C-alpha cells in the first residue's frame, strides 16, 4: 500500500467524544486495540493480548484468531464501563481478515456498534 493511500484513509476516520475511534495494531506475535477520542486527543480504553487482565483468557484461547476475539470482547466490556456504545472502526491499513476481523467480531459480540 502506498503511503498516500494510508494518509487519505486517516483523513476520513476521526473519533469524536460521542463516537470514538477503535484502532487496531497488529504485529507478528501480538495484537492490540485502543479506543481514542481524536477531538480531545485522549486514549479512553486500551488493551493488548499480553495485558495482565486477560492473559489467562488468551492462554486458554489457543490460536491467534481466538485470542483476537477475546481481546475484542474485553475491549467492548471496558468500553461499556466507560459508557461508550458506538465506535468508528479503524483497521489501520490492515486487511479486514483473520485477526483484525476476529477482533471486530469480538467487539460487536461484546456490545459495541460500528
PDB file of N, CA and C in Angstrom:
ATOM      1  N   UNK A   1       0.846  -1.173   0.000  1.00  0.00           N
ATOM      2  CA  UNK A   1       0.000   0.000   0.000  1.00  0.00           C
ATOM      3  C   UNK A   1       0.891   1.235   0.000  1.00  0.00           C
ATOM      4  N   UNK A   2       0.540   2.170  -0.825  1.00  0.00           N
ATOM      5  CA  UNK A   2       1.294   3.405  -0.904  1.00  0.00           C
ATOM      6  C   UNK A   2       1.012   4.267   0.317  1.00  0.00           C
ATOM      7  N   UNK A   3       1.990   5.059   0.680  1.00  0.00           N
ATOM      8  CA  UNK A   3       1.863   5.907   1.856  1.00  0.00           C
ATOM      9  C   UNK A   3       0.731   6.920   1.697  1.00  0.00           C
ATOM     10  N   UNK A   4       0.533   7.418   0.483  1.00  0.00           N
ATOM     11  CA  UNK A   4      -0.529   8.404   0.268  1.00  0.00           C
ATOM     12  C   UNK A   4      -1.906   7.806   0.495  1.00  0.00           C
ATOM     13  N   UNK A   5      -2.087   6.518   0.170  1.00  0.00           N
ATOM     14  CA  UNK A   5      -3.383   5.882   0.401  1.00  0.00           C
ATOM     15  C   UNK A   5      -3.688   5.814   1.890  1.00  0.00           C
ATOM     16  N   UNK A   6      -2.678   5.502   2.702  1.00  0.00           N
ATOM     17  CA  UNK A   6      -2.885   5.410   4.143  1.00  0.00           C
ATOM     18  C   UNK A   6      -3.218   6.784   4.727  1.00  0.00           C
ATOM     19  N   UNK A   7      -2.557   7.831   4.224  1.00  0.00           N
ATOM     20  CA  UNK A   7      -2.825   9.186   4.708  1.00  0.00           C
ATOM     21  C   UNK A   7      -4.245   9.595   4.347  1.00  0.00           C
ATOM     22  N   UNK A   8      -4.699   9.261   3.123  1.00  0.00           N
ATOM     23  CA  UNK A   8      -6.056   9.608   2.715  1.00  0.00           C
ATOM     24  C   UNK A   8      -7.095   8.925   3.588  1.00  0.00           C
ATOM     25  N   UNK A   9      -6.850   7.672   3.939  1.00  0.00           N
ATOM     26  CA  UNK A   9      -7.784   6.936   4.787  1.00  0.00           C
ATOM     27  C   UNK A   9      -7.834   7.570   6.178  1.00  0.00           C
ATOM     28  N   UNK A  10      -6.678   7.980   6.702  1.00  0.00           N
ATOM     29  CA  UNK A  10      -6.634   8.580   8.037  1.00  0.00           C
ATOM     30  C   UNK A  10      -7.423   9.886   8.093  1.00  0.00           C
ATOM     31  N   UNK A  11      -7.446  10.639   6.993  1.00  0.00           N
ATOM     32  CA  UNK A  11      -8.184  11.897   6.981  1.00  0.00           C
ATOM     33  C   UNK A  11      -9.678  11.669   7.145  1.00  0.00           C
ATOM     34  N   UNK A  12     -10.169  10.533   6.627  1.00  0.00           N
ATOM     35  CA  UNK A  12     -11.608  10.262   6.688  1.00  0.00           C
ATOM     36  C   UNK A  12     -12.043   9.742   8.045  1.00  0.00           C
ATOM     37  N   UNK A  13     -11.178   9.014   8.755  1.00  0.00           N
ATOM     38  CA  UNK A  13     -11.540   8.427  10.042  1.00  0.00           C
ATOM     39  C   UNK A  13     -11.175   9.392  11.157  1.00  0.00           C
ATOM     40  N   UNK A  14     -12.168   9.742  11.963  1.00  0.00           N
ATOM     41  CA  UNK A  14     -11.940  10.698  13.036  1.00  0.00           C
ATOM     42  C   UNK A  14     -12.863  10.341  14.193  1.00  0.00           C
ATOM     43  N   UNK A  15     -12.302  10.209  15.378  1.00  0.00           N
ATOM     44  CA  UNK A  15     -13.089   9.867  16.551  1.00  0.00           C
ATOM     45  C   UNK A  15     -13.568  11.107  17.285  1.00  0.00           C
ATOM     46  N   UNK A  16     -14.817  11.111  17.647  1.00  0.00           N
ATOM     47  CA  UNK A  16     -15.409  12.219  18.394  1.00  0.00           C
ATOM     48  C   UNK A  16     -15.729  11.739  19.808  1.00  0.00           C
ATOM     49  N   UNK A  17     -16.065  12.642  20.722  1.00  0.00           N
ATOM     50  CA  UNK A  17     -16.451  12.192  22.068  1.00  0.00           C
ATOM     51  C   UNK A  17     -17.688  11.283  22.054  1.00  0.00           C
ATOM     52  N   UNK A  18     -18.626  11.516  21.125  1.00  0.00           N
ATOM     53  CA  UNK A  18     -19.823  10.682  21.047  1.00  0.00           C
ATOM     54  C   UNK A  18     -19.525   9.338  20.382  1.00  0.00           C
ATOM     55  N   UNK A  19     -18.605   9.332  19.438  1.00  0.00           N
ATOM     56  CA  UNK A  19     -18.280   8.127  18.682  1.00  0.00           C
ATOM     57  C   UNK A  19     -16.764   8.046  18.464  1.00  0.00           C
ATOM     58  N   UNK A  20     -16.032   7.538  19.461  1.00  0.00           N
ATOM     59  CA  UNK A  20     -14.576   7.472  19.347  1.00  0.00           C
ATOM     60  C   UNK A  20     -14.120   6.412  18.348  1.00  0.00           C
ATOM     61  N   UNK A  21     -12.830   6.400  18.085  1.00  0.00           N
ATOM     62  CA  UNK A  21     -12.242   5.525  17.064  1.00  0.00           C
ATOM     63  C   UNK A  21     -11.594   4.316  17.733  1.00  0.00           C
ATOM     64  N   UNK A  22     -11.932   3.113  17.262  1.00  0.00           N
ATOM     65  CA  UNK A  22     -11.306   1.874  17.722  1.00  0.00           C
ATOM     66  C   UNK A  22     -10.198   1.527  16.734  1.00  0.00           C
ATOM     67  N   UNK A  23      -8.948   1.644  17.179  1.00  0.00           N
ATOM     68  CA  UNK A  23      -7.780   1.426  16.333  1.00  0.00           C
ATOM     69  C   UNK A  23      -7.176   0.072  16.652  1.00  0.00           C
ATOM     70  N   UNK A  24      -6.808  -0.671  15.615  1.00  0.00           N
ATOM     71  CA  UNK A  24      -6.193  -1.985  15.769  1.00  0.00           C
ATOM     72  C   UNK A  24      -4.726  -1.881  15.387  1.00  0.00           C
ATOM     73  N   UNK A  25      -3.848  -2.446  16.208  1.00  0.00           N
ATOM     74  CA  UNK A  25      -2.440  -2.595  15.835  1.00  0.00           C
ATOM     75  C   UNK A  25      -2.102  -4.077  15.888  1.00  0.00           C
ATOM     76  N   UNK A  26      -1.500  -4.559  14.827  1.00  0.00           N
ATOM     77  CA  UNK A  26      -1.190  -5.971  14.713  1.00  0.00           C
ATOM     78  C   UNK A  26       0.292  -6.125  14.394  1.00  0.00           C
ATOM     79  N   UNK A  27       0.971  -6.976  15.150  1.00  0.00           N
ATOM     80  CA  UNK A  27       2.345  -7.337  14.830  1.00  0.00           C
ATOM     81  C   UNK A  27       2.366  -8.829  14.527  1.00  0.00           C
ATOM     82  N   UNK A  28       3.541  -9.375  14.329  1.00  0.00           N
ATOM     83  CA  UNK A  28       3.628 -10.794  14.004  1.00  0.00           C
ATOM     84  C   UNK A  28       3.138 -11.648  15.179  1.00  0.00           C
ATOM     85  N   UNK A  29       3.470 -11.267  16.406  1.00  0.00           N
ATOM     86  CA  UNK A  29       3.115 -12.076  17.570  1.00  0.00           C
ATOM     87  C   UNK A  29       1.896 -11.568  18.338  1.00  0.00           C
ATOM     88  N   UNK A  30       1.654 -10.264  18.335  1.00  0.00           N
ATOM     89  CA  UNK A  30       0.650  -9.684  19.220  1.00  0.00           C
ATOM     90  C   UNK A  30      -0.360  -8.839  18.447  1.00  0.00           C
ATOM     91  N   UNK A  31      -1.453  -8.521  19.152  1.00  0.00           N
ATOM     92  CA  UNK A  31      -2.472  -7.615  18.616  1.00  0.00           C
ATOM     93  C   UNK A  31      -2.961  -6.752  19.772  1.00  0.00           C
ATOM     94  N   UNK A  32      -3.263  -5.498  19.464  1.00  0.00           N
ATOM     95  CA  UNK A  32      -3.760  -4.597  20.495  1.00  0.00           C
ATOM     96  C   UNK A  32      -4.813  -3.679  19.897  1.00  0.00           C
ATOM     97  N   UNK A  33      -5.582  -3.070  20.775  1.00  0.00           N
ATOM     98  CA  UNK A  33      -6.630  -2.150  20.346  1.00  0.00           C
ATOM     99  C   UNK A  33      -6.751  -0.994  21.315  1.00  0.00           C
ATOM    100  N   UNK A  34      -7.088   0.158  20.786  1.00  0.00           N
ATOM    101  CA  UNK A  34      -7.297   1.349  21.605  1.00  0.00           C
ATOM    102  C   UNK A  34      -8.551   2.058  21.130  1.00  0.00           C
ATOM    103  N   UNK A  35      -9.259   2.648  22.053  1.00  0.00           N
ATOM    104  CA  UNK A  35     -10.395   3.488  21.713  1.00  0.00           C
ATOM    105  C   UNK A  35      -9.975   4.921  22.002  1.00  0.00           C
ATOM    106  N   UNK A  36      -9.956   5.736  20.942  1.00  0.00           N
ATOM    107  CA  UNK A  36      -9.356   7.069  21.010  1.00  0.00           C
ATOM    108  C   UNK A  36     -10.389   8.130  20.664  1.00  0.00           C
ATOM    109  N   UNK A  37     -10.397   9.209  21.442  1.00  0.00           N
ATOM    110  CA  UNK A  37     -11.185  10.400  21.153  1.00  0.00           C
ATOM    111  C   UNK A  37     -10.230  11.392  20.492  1.00  0.00           C
ATOM    112  N   UNK A  38     -10.330  11.535  19.174  1.00  0.00           N
ATOM    113  CA  UNK A  38      -9.411  12.403  18.437  1.00  0.00           C
ATOM    114  C   UNK A  38      -9.658  13.881  18.702  1.00  0.00           C
ATOM    115  N   UNK A  39     -10.874  14.249  19.001  1.00  0.00           N
ATOM    116  CA  UNK A  39     -11.186  15.657  19.245  1.00  0.00           C
ATOM    117  C   UNK A  39     -10.447  16.180  20.472  1.00  0.00           C
ATOM    118  N   UNK A  40     -10.382  15.368  21.530  1.00  0.00           N
ATOM    119  CA  UNK A  40      -9.690  15.762  22.760  1.00  0.00           C
ATOM    120  C   UNK A  40      -8.298  15.158  22.871  1.00  0.00           C
ATOM    121  N   UNK A  41      -7.890  14.378  21.872  1.00  0.00           N
ATOM    122  CA  UNK A  41      -6.583  13.721  21.824  1.00  0.00           C
ATOM    123  C   UNK A  41      -6.319  12.902  23.082  1.00  0.00           C
ATOM    124  N   UNK A  42      -7.271  11.992  23.388  1.00  0.00           N
ATOM    125  CA  UNK A  42      -7.160  11.150  24.570  1.00  0.00           C
ATOM    126  C   UNK A  42      -7.448   9.707  24.216  1.00  0.00           C
ATOM    127  N   UNK A  43      -6.702   8.801  24.839  1.00  0.00           N
ATOM    128  CA  UNK A  43      -6.988   7.379  24.741  1.00  0.00           C
ATOM    129  C   UNK A  43      -7.946   7.039  25.873  1.00  0.00           C
ATOM    130  N   UNK A  44      -9.123   6.555  25.545  1.00  0.00           N
ATOM    131  CA  UNK A  44     -10.140   6.257  26.537  1.00  0.00           C
ATOM    132  C   UNK A  44      -9.999   4.845  27.092  1.00  0.00           C
ATOM    133  N   UNK A  45      -9.723   3.881  26.209  1.00  0.00           N
ATOM    134  CA  UNK A  45      -9.588   2.475  26.599  1.00  0.00           C
ATOM    135  C   UNK A  45      -8.477   1.874  25.752  1.00  0.00           C
ATOM    136  N   UNK A  46      -7.685   1.026  26.349  1.00  0.00           N
ATOM    137  CA  UNK A  46      -6.651   0.338  25.595  1.00  0.00           C
ATOM    138  C   UNK A  46      -6.370  -1.026  26.191  1.00  0.00           C
ATOM    139  N   UNK A  47      -6.050  -1.990  25.339  1.00  0.00           N
ATOM    140  CA  UNK A  47      -5.723  -3.328  25.805  1.00  0.00           C
ATOM    141  C   UNK A  47      -4.919  -4.051  24.726  1.00  0.00           C
ATOM    142  N   UNK A  48      -4.165  -5.037  25.157  1.00  0.00           N
ATOM    143  CA  UNK A  48      -3.393  -5.872  24.239  1.00  0.00           C
ATOM    144  C   UNK A  48      -3.518  -7.314  24.699  1.00  0.00           C
ATOM    145  N   UNK A  49      -3.129  -8.229  23.826  1.00  0.00           N
ATOM    146  CA  UNK A  49      -3.261  -9.641  24.177  1.00  0.00           C
ATOM    147  C   UNK A  49      -2.322 -10.058  25.302  1.00  0.00           C
ATOM    148  N   UNK A  50      -1.328  -9.252  25.601  1.00  0.00           N
ATOM    149  CA  UNK A  50      -0.418  -9.570  26.698  1.00  0.00           C
ATOM    150  C   UNK A  50      -0.731  -8.766  27.964  1.00  0.00           C
ATOM    151  N   UNK A  51      -1.883  -8.081  28.005  1.00  0.00           N
ATOM    152  CA  UNK A  51      -2.315  -7.346  29.196  1.00  0.00           C
ATOM    153  C   UNK A  51      -2.566  -8.312  30.346  1.00  0.00           C
ATOM    154  N   UNK A  52      -2.282  -7.880  31.550  1.00  0.00           N
ATOM    155  CA  UNK A  52      -2.433  -8.741  32.728  1.00  0.00           C
ATOM    156  C   UNK A  52      -3.876  -9.178  32.954  1.00  0.00           C
ATOM    157  N   UNK A  53      -4.834  -8.283  32.614  1.00  0.00           N
ATOM    158  CA  UNK A  53      -6.242  -8.587  32.884  1.00  0.00           C
ATOM    159  C   UNK A  53      -6.761  -9.773  32.075  1.00  0.00           C
ATOM    160  N   UNK A  54      -6.236  -9.969  30.877  1.00  0.00           N
ATOM    161  CA  UNK A  54      -6.769 -11.032  30.023  1.00  0.00           C
ATOM    162  C   UNK A  54      -5.724 -12.071  29.631  1.00  0.00           C
ATOM    163  N   UNK A  55      -4.580 -12.070  30.286  1.00  0.00           N
ATOM    164  CA  UNK A  55      -3.509 -13.013  29.931  1.00  0.00           C
ATOM    165  C   UNK A  55      -3.968 -14.461  30.053  1.00  0.00           C
ATOM    166  N   UNK A  56      -4.706 -14.779  31.128  1.00  0.00           N
ATOM    167  CA  UNK A  56      -5.168 -16.159  31.317  1.00  0.00           C
ATOM    168  C   UNK A  56      -6.151 -16.581  30.230  1.00  0.00           C
ATOM    169  N   UNK A  57      -7.087 -15.686  29.897  1.00  0.00           N
ATOM    170  CA  UNK A  57      -8.072 -15.998  28.860  1.00  0.00           C
ATOM    171  C   UNK A  57      -7.399 -16.173  27.501  1.00  0.00           C
ATOM    172  N   UNK A  58      -6.352 -15.396  27.248  1.00  0.00           N
ATOM    173  CA  UNK A  58      -5.645 -15.509  25.971  1.00  0.00           C
ATOM    174  C   UNK A  58      -4.855 -16.807  25.885  1.00  0.00           C
ATOM    175  N   UNK A  59      -4.313 -17.250  27.010  1.00  0.00           N
ATOM    176  CA  UNK A  59      -3.579 -18.519  27.007  1.00  0.00           C
ATOM    177  C   UNK A  59      -4.522 -19.692  26.742  1.00  0.00           C
ATOM    178  N   UNK A  60      -5.741 -19.610  27.279  1.00  0.00           N
ATOM    179  CA  UNK A  60      -6.727 -20.674  27.072  1.00  0.00           C
ATOM    180  C   UNK A  60      -7.275 -20.669  25.648  1.00  0.00           C
ATOM    181  N   UNK A  61      -7.276 -19.501  25.004  1.00  0.00           N
ATOM    182  CA  UNK A  61      -7.887 -19.371  23.674  1.00  0.00           C
ATOM    183  C   UNK A  61      -7.169 -20.205  22.622  1.00  0.00           C
ATOM    184  N   UNK A  62      -5.865 -20.277  22.685  1.00  0.00           N
ATOM    185  CA  UNK A  62      -5.144 -21.110  21.727  1.00  0.00           C
ATOM    186  C   UNK A  62      -4.658 -20.352  20.522  1.00  0.00           C
ATOM    187  N   UNK A  63      -5.418 -20.370  19.428  1.00  0.00           N
ATOM    188  CA  UNK A  63      -4.954 -19.774  18.179  1.00  0.00           C
ATOM    189  C   UNK A  63      -4.983 -18.241  18.243  1.00  0.00           C
ATOM    190  N   UNK A  64      -4.165 -17.580  17.430  1.00  0.00           N
ATOM    191  CA  UNK A  64      -4.146 -16.108  17.418  1.00  0.00           C
ATOM    192  C   UNK A  64      -5.488 -15.483  17.051  1.00  0.00           C
ATOM    193  N   UNK A  65      -6.278 -16.151  16.212  1.00  0.00           N
ATOM    194  CA  UNK A  65      -7.596 -15.608  15.848  1.00  0.00           C
ATOM    195  C   UNK A  65      -8.522 -15.629  17.053  1.00  0.00           C
ATOM    196  N   UNK A  66      -8.486 -16.703  17.831  1.00  0.00           N
ATOM    197  CA  UNK A  66      -9.313 -16.784  19.035  1.00  0.00           C
ATOM    198  C   UNK A  66      -8.861 -15.766  20.080  1.00  0.00           C
ATOM    199  N   UNK A  67      -7.561 -15.540  20.175  1.00  0.00           N
ATOM    200  CA  UNK A  67      -7.024 -14.531  21.103  1.00  0.00           C
ATOM    201  C   UNK A  67      -7.545 -13.155  20.710  1.00  0.00           C
ATOM    202  N   UNK A  68      -7.585 -12.865  19.418  1.00  0.00           N
ATOM    203  CA  UNK A  68      -8.084 -11.572  18.946  1.00  0.00           C
ATOM    204  C   UNK A  68      -9.556 -11.385  19.287  1.00  0.00           C
ATOM    205  N   UNK A  69     -10.323 -12.447  19.194  1.00  0.00           N
ATOM    206  CA  UNK A  69     -11.744 -12.361  19.541  1.00  0.00           C
ATOM    207  C   UNK A  69     -11.925 -12.076  21.028  1.00  0.00           C
ATOM    208  N   UNK A  70     -11.123 -12.736  21.874  1.00  0.00           N
ATOM    209  CA  UNK A  70     -11.166 -12.496  23.317  1.00  0.00           C
ATOM    210  C   UNK A  70     -10.804 -11.039  23.611  1.00  0.00           C
ATOM    211  N   UNK A  71      -9.798 -10.529  22.910  1.00  0.00           N
ATOM    212  CA  UNK A  71      -9.385  -9.140  23.096  1.00  0.00           C
ATOM    213  C   UNK A  71     -10.493  -8.181  22.697  1.00  0.00           C
ATOM    214  N   UNK A  72     -11.186  -8.456  21.589  1.00  0.00           N
ATOM    215  CA  UNK A  72     -12.299  -7.611  21.165  1.00  0.00           C
ATOM    216  C   UNK A  72     -13.424  -7.581  22.184  1.00  0.00           C
ATOM    217  N   UNK A  73     -13.738  -8.738  22.751  1.00  0.00           N
ATOM    218  CA  UNK A  73     -14.776  -8.792  23.788  1.00  0.00           C
ATOM    219  C   UNK A  73     -14.354  -8.021  25.030  1.00  0.00           C
ATOM    220  N   UNK A  74     -13.077  -8.117  25.392  1.00  0.00           N
ATOM    221  CA  UNK A  74     -12.570  -7.391  26.555  1.00  0.00           C
ATOM    222  C   UNK A  74     -12.616  -5.882  26.324  1.00  0.00           C
ATOM    223  N   UNK A  75     -12.222  -5.439  25.125  1.00  0.00           N
ATOM    224  CA  UNK A  75     -12.290  -4.011  24.810  1.00  0.00           C
ATOM    225  C   UNK A  75     -13.728  -3.500  24.875  1.00  0.00           C
ATOM    226  N   UNK A  76     -14.665  -4.302  24.381  1.00  0.00           N
ATOM    227  CA  UNK A  76     -16.076  -3.909  24.425  1.00  0.00           C
ATOM    228  C   UNK A  76     -16.554  -3.791  25.869  1.00  0.00           C
ATOM    229  N   UNK A  77     -16.131  -4.720  26.720  1.00  0.00           N
ATOM    230  CA  UNK A  77     -16.531  -4.676  28.128  1.00  0.00           C
ATOM    231  C   UNK A  77     -15.990  -3.421  28.802  1.00  0.00           C
ATOM    232  N   UNK A  78     -14.715  -3.103  28.551  1.00  0.00           N
ATOM    233  CA  UNK A  78     -14.117  -1.897  29.142  1.00  0.00           C
ATOM    234  C   UNK A  78     -14.774  -0.641  28.586  1.00  0.00           C
ATOM    235  N   UNK A  79     -15.154  -0.661  27.310  1.00  0.00           N
ATOM    236  CA  UNK A  79     -15.828   0.490  26.712  1.00  0.00           C
ATOM    237  C   UNK A  79     -17.193   0.693  27.349  1.00  0.00           C
ATOM    238  N   UNK A  80     -17.918  -0.392  27.592  1.00  0.00           N
ATOM    239  CA  UNK A  80     -19.231  -0.297  28.242  1.00  0.00           C
ATOM    240  C   UNK A  80     -19.097   0.304  29.640  1.00  0.00           C
ATOM    241  N   UNK A  81     -18.018  -0.066  30.360  1.00  0.00           N
ATOM    242  CA  UNK A  81     -17.786   0.501  31.688  1.00  0.00           C
ATOM    243  C   UNK A  81     -17.570   2.009  31.608  1.00  0.00           C
ATOM    244  N   UNK A  82     -16.990   2.480  30.502  1.00  0.00           N
ATOM    245  CA  UNK A  82     -16.763   3.910  30.299  1.00  0.00           C
ATOM    246  C   UNK A  82     -17.896   4.580  29.533  1.00  0.00           C
ATOM    247  N   UNK A  83     -19.029   3.889  29.405  1.00  0.00           N
ATOM    248  CA  UNK A  83     -20.240   4.401  28.765  1.00  0.00           C
ATOM    249  C   UNK A  83     -20.027   4.742  27.292  1.00  0.00           C
ATOM    250  N   UNK A  84     -19.280   3.888  26.602  1.00  0.00           N
ATOM    251  CA  UNK A  84     -19.071   4.035  25.165  1.00  0.00           C
ATOM    252  C   UNK A  84     -19.901   2.955  24.477  1.00  0.00           C
ATOM    253  N   UNK A  85     -20.819   3.375  23.613  1.00  0.00           N
ATOM    254  CA  UNK A  85     -21.707   2.440  22.929  1.00  0.00           C
ATOM    255  C   UNK A  85     -21.324   2.253  21.462  1.00  0.00           C
ATOM    256  N   UNK A  86     -20.945   3.354  20.779  1.00  0.00           N
ATOM    257  CA  UNK A  86     -20.642   3.314  19.356  1.00  0.00           C
ATOM    258  C   UNK A  86     -19.214   3.753  19.109  1.00  0.00           C
ATOM    259  N   UNK A  87     -18.570   3.129  18.126  1.00  0.00           N
ATOM    260  CA  UNK A  87     -17.205   3.485  17.747  1.00  0.00           C
ATOM    261  C   UNK A  87     -17.088   3.505  16.220  1.00  0.00           C
ATOM    262  N   UNK A  88     -16.017   4.124  15.755  1.00  0.00           N
ATOM    263  CA  UNK A  88     -15.620   4.075  14.355  1.00  0.00           C
ATOM    264  C   UNK A  88     -14.466   3.088  14.290  1.00  0.00           C
ATOM    265  N   UNK A  89     -14.560   2.073  13.442  1.00  0.00           N
ATOM    266  CA  UNK A  89     -13.531   1.035  13.386  1.00  0.00           C
ATOM    267  C   UNK A  89     -12.422   1.454  12.426  1.00  0.00           C
ATOM    268  N   UNK A  90     -11.202   1.544  12.925  1.00  0.00           N
ATOM    269  CA  UNK A  90     -10.022   1.900  12.135  1.00  0.00           C
ATOM    270  C   UNK A  90      -9.122   0.674  12.072  1.00  0.00           C
ATOM    271  N   UNK A  91      -9.074   0.030  10.914  1.00  0.00           N
ATOM    272  CA  UNK A  91      -8.269  -1.185  10.793  1.00  0.00           C
ATOM    273  C   UNK A  91      -6.800  -0.871  10.561  1.00  0.00           C
ATOM    274  N   UNK A  92      -6.454   0.414  10.487  1.00  0.00           N
ATOM    275  CA  UNK A  92      -5.066   0.876  10.455  1.00  0.00           C
ATOM    276  C   UNK A  92      -4.311   0.363   9.227  1.00  0.00           C
ATOM    277  N   UNK A  93      -5.000   0.194   8.118  1.00  0.00           N
ATOM    278  CA  UNK A  93      -4.352  -0.235   6.891  1.00  0.00           C
ATOM    279  C   UNK A  93      -4.247  -1.741   6.715  1.00  0.00           C
ATOM    280  N   UNK A  94      -4.632  -2.508   7.722  1.00  0.00           N
ATOM    281  CA  UNK A  94      -4.581  -3.968   7.615  1.00  0.00           C
ATOM    282  C   UNK A  94      -5.833  -4.463   6.889  1.00  0.00           C
ATOM    283  N   UNK A  95      -5.714  -5.592   6.221  1.00  0.00           N
ATOM    284  CA  UNK A  95      -6.877  -6.176   5.564  1.00  0.00           C
ATOM    285  C   UNK A  95      -7.883  -6.624   6.614  1.00  0.00           C
ATOM    286  N   UNK A  96      -9.159  -6.491   6.292  1.00  0.00           N
ATOM    287  CA  UNK A  96     -10.222  -6.925   7.200  1.00  0.00           C
ATOM    288  C   UNK A  96     -10.370  -8.432   7.043  1.00  0.00           C
ATOM    289  N   UNK A  97      -9.443  -9.145   7.688  1.00  0.00           N
ATOM    290  CA  UNK A  97      -9.359 -10.586   7.507  1.00  0.00           C
ATOM    291  C   UNK A  97      -8.597 -11.151   8.702  1.00  0.00           C
ATOM    292  N   UNK A  98      -8.904 -12.353   9.092  1.00  0.00           N
ATOM    293  CA  UNK A  98      -8.136 -13.038  10.135  1.00  0.00           C
ATOM    294  C   UNK A  98      -8.266 -12.402  11.502  1.00  0.00           C
ATOM    295  N   UNK A  99      -7.123 -12.002  12.072  1.00  0.00           N
ATOM    296  CA  UNK A  99      -7.112 -11.472  13.439  1.00  0.00           C
ATOM    297  C   UNK A  99      -7.832 -10.139  13.562  1.00  0.00           C
ATOM    298  N   UNK A 100      -7.734  -9.284  12.540  1.00  0.00           N
ATOM    299  CA  UNK A 100      -8.416  -7.983  12.583  1.00  0.00           C
ATOM    300  C   UNK A 100      -9.932  -8.189  12.555  1.00  0.00           C
ATOM    301  N   UNK A 101     -10.401  -9.079  11.714  1.00  0.00           N
ATOM    302  CA  UNK A 101     -11.829  -9.384  11.638  1.00  0.00           C
ATOM    303  C   UNK A 101     -12.318 -10.024  12.934  1.00  0.00           C
ATOM    304  N   UNK A 102     -11.510 -10.904  13.527  1.00  0.00           N
ATOM    305  CA  UNK A 102     -11.891 -11.557  14.776  1.00  0.00           C
ATOM    306  C   UNK A 102     -12.009 -10.540  15.904  1.00  0.00           C
ATOM    307  N   UNK A 103     -11.108  -9.563  15.962  1.00  0.00           N
ATOM    308  CA  UNK A 103     -11.191  -8.520  16.985  1.00  0.00           C
ATOM    309  C   UNK A 103     -12.474  -7.714  16.796  1.00  0.00           C
ATOM    310  N   UNK A 104     -12.803  -7.371  15.562  1.00  0.00           N
ATOM    311  CA  UNK A 104     -14.026  -6.613  15.285  1.00  0.00           C
ATOM    312  C   UNK A 104     -15.269  -7.422  15.666  1.00  0.00           C
ATOM    313  N   UNK A 105     -15.273  -8.714  15.324  1.00  0.00           N
ATOM    314  CA  UNK A 105     -16.411  -9.568  15.668  1.00  0.00           C
ATOM    315  C   UNK A 105     -16.564  -9.699  17.181  1.00  0.00           C
ATOM    316  N   UNK A 106     -15.444  -9.838  17.891  1.00  0.00           N
ATOM    317  CA  UNK A 106     -15.492  -9.920  19.352  1.00  0.00           C
ATOM    318  C   UNK A 106     -16.028  -8.650  19.975  1.00  0.00           C
ATOM    319  N   UNK A 107     -15.629  -7.501  19.413  1.00  0.00           N
ATOM    320  CA  UNK A 107     -16.119  -6.213  19.928  1.00  0.00           C
ATOM    321  C   UNK A 107     -17.624  -6.071  19.678  1.00  0.00           C
ATOM    322  N   UNK A 108     -18.076  -6.539  18.525  1.00  0.00           N
ATOM    323  CA  UNK A 108     -19.518  -6.494  18.242  1.00  0.00           C
ATOM    324  C   UNK A 108     -20.302  -7.398  19.180  1.00  0.00           C
ATOM    325  N   UNK A 109     -19.766  -8.587  19.425  1.00  0.00           N
ATOM    326  CA  UNK A 109     -20.434  -9.516  20.345  1.00  0.00           C
ATOM    327  C   UNK A 109     -20.447  -8.959  21.759  1.00  0.00           C
ATOM    328  N   UNK A 110     -19.442  -8.157  22.097  1.00  0.00           N
ATOM    329  CA  UNK A 110     -19.396  -7.531  23.410  1.00  0.00           C
ATOM    330  C   UNK A 110     -20.370  -6.379  23.560  1.00  0.00           C
ATOM    331  N   UNK A 111     -20.948  -5.926  22.445  1.00  0.00           N
ATOM    332  CA  UNK A 111     -21.965  -4.882  22.534  1.00  0.00           C
ATOM    333  C   UNK A 111     -21.616  -3.574  21.864  1.00  0.00           C
ATOM    334  N   UNK A 112     -20.445  -3.436  21.257  1.00  0.00           N
ATOM    335  CA  UNK A 112     -20.118  -2.196  20.565  1.00  0.00           C
ATOM    336  C   UNK A 112     -20.783  -2.163  19.198  1.00  0.00           C
ATOM    337  N   UNK A 113     -21.167  -0.970  18.776  1.00  0.00           N
ATOM    338  CA  UNK A 113     -21.778  -0.793  17.463  1.00  0.00           C
ATOM    339  C   UNK A 113     -20.810  -0.007  16.590  1.00  0.00           C
ATOM    340  N   UNK A 114     -20.599  -0.509  15.365  1.00  0.00           N
ATOM    341  CA  UNK A 114     -19.706   0.164  14.424  1.00  0.00           C
ATOM    342  C   UNK A 114     -20.537   0.952  13.434  1.00  0.00           C
TER     343      UNK A 114
END
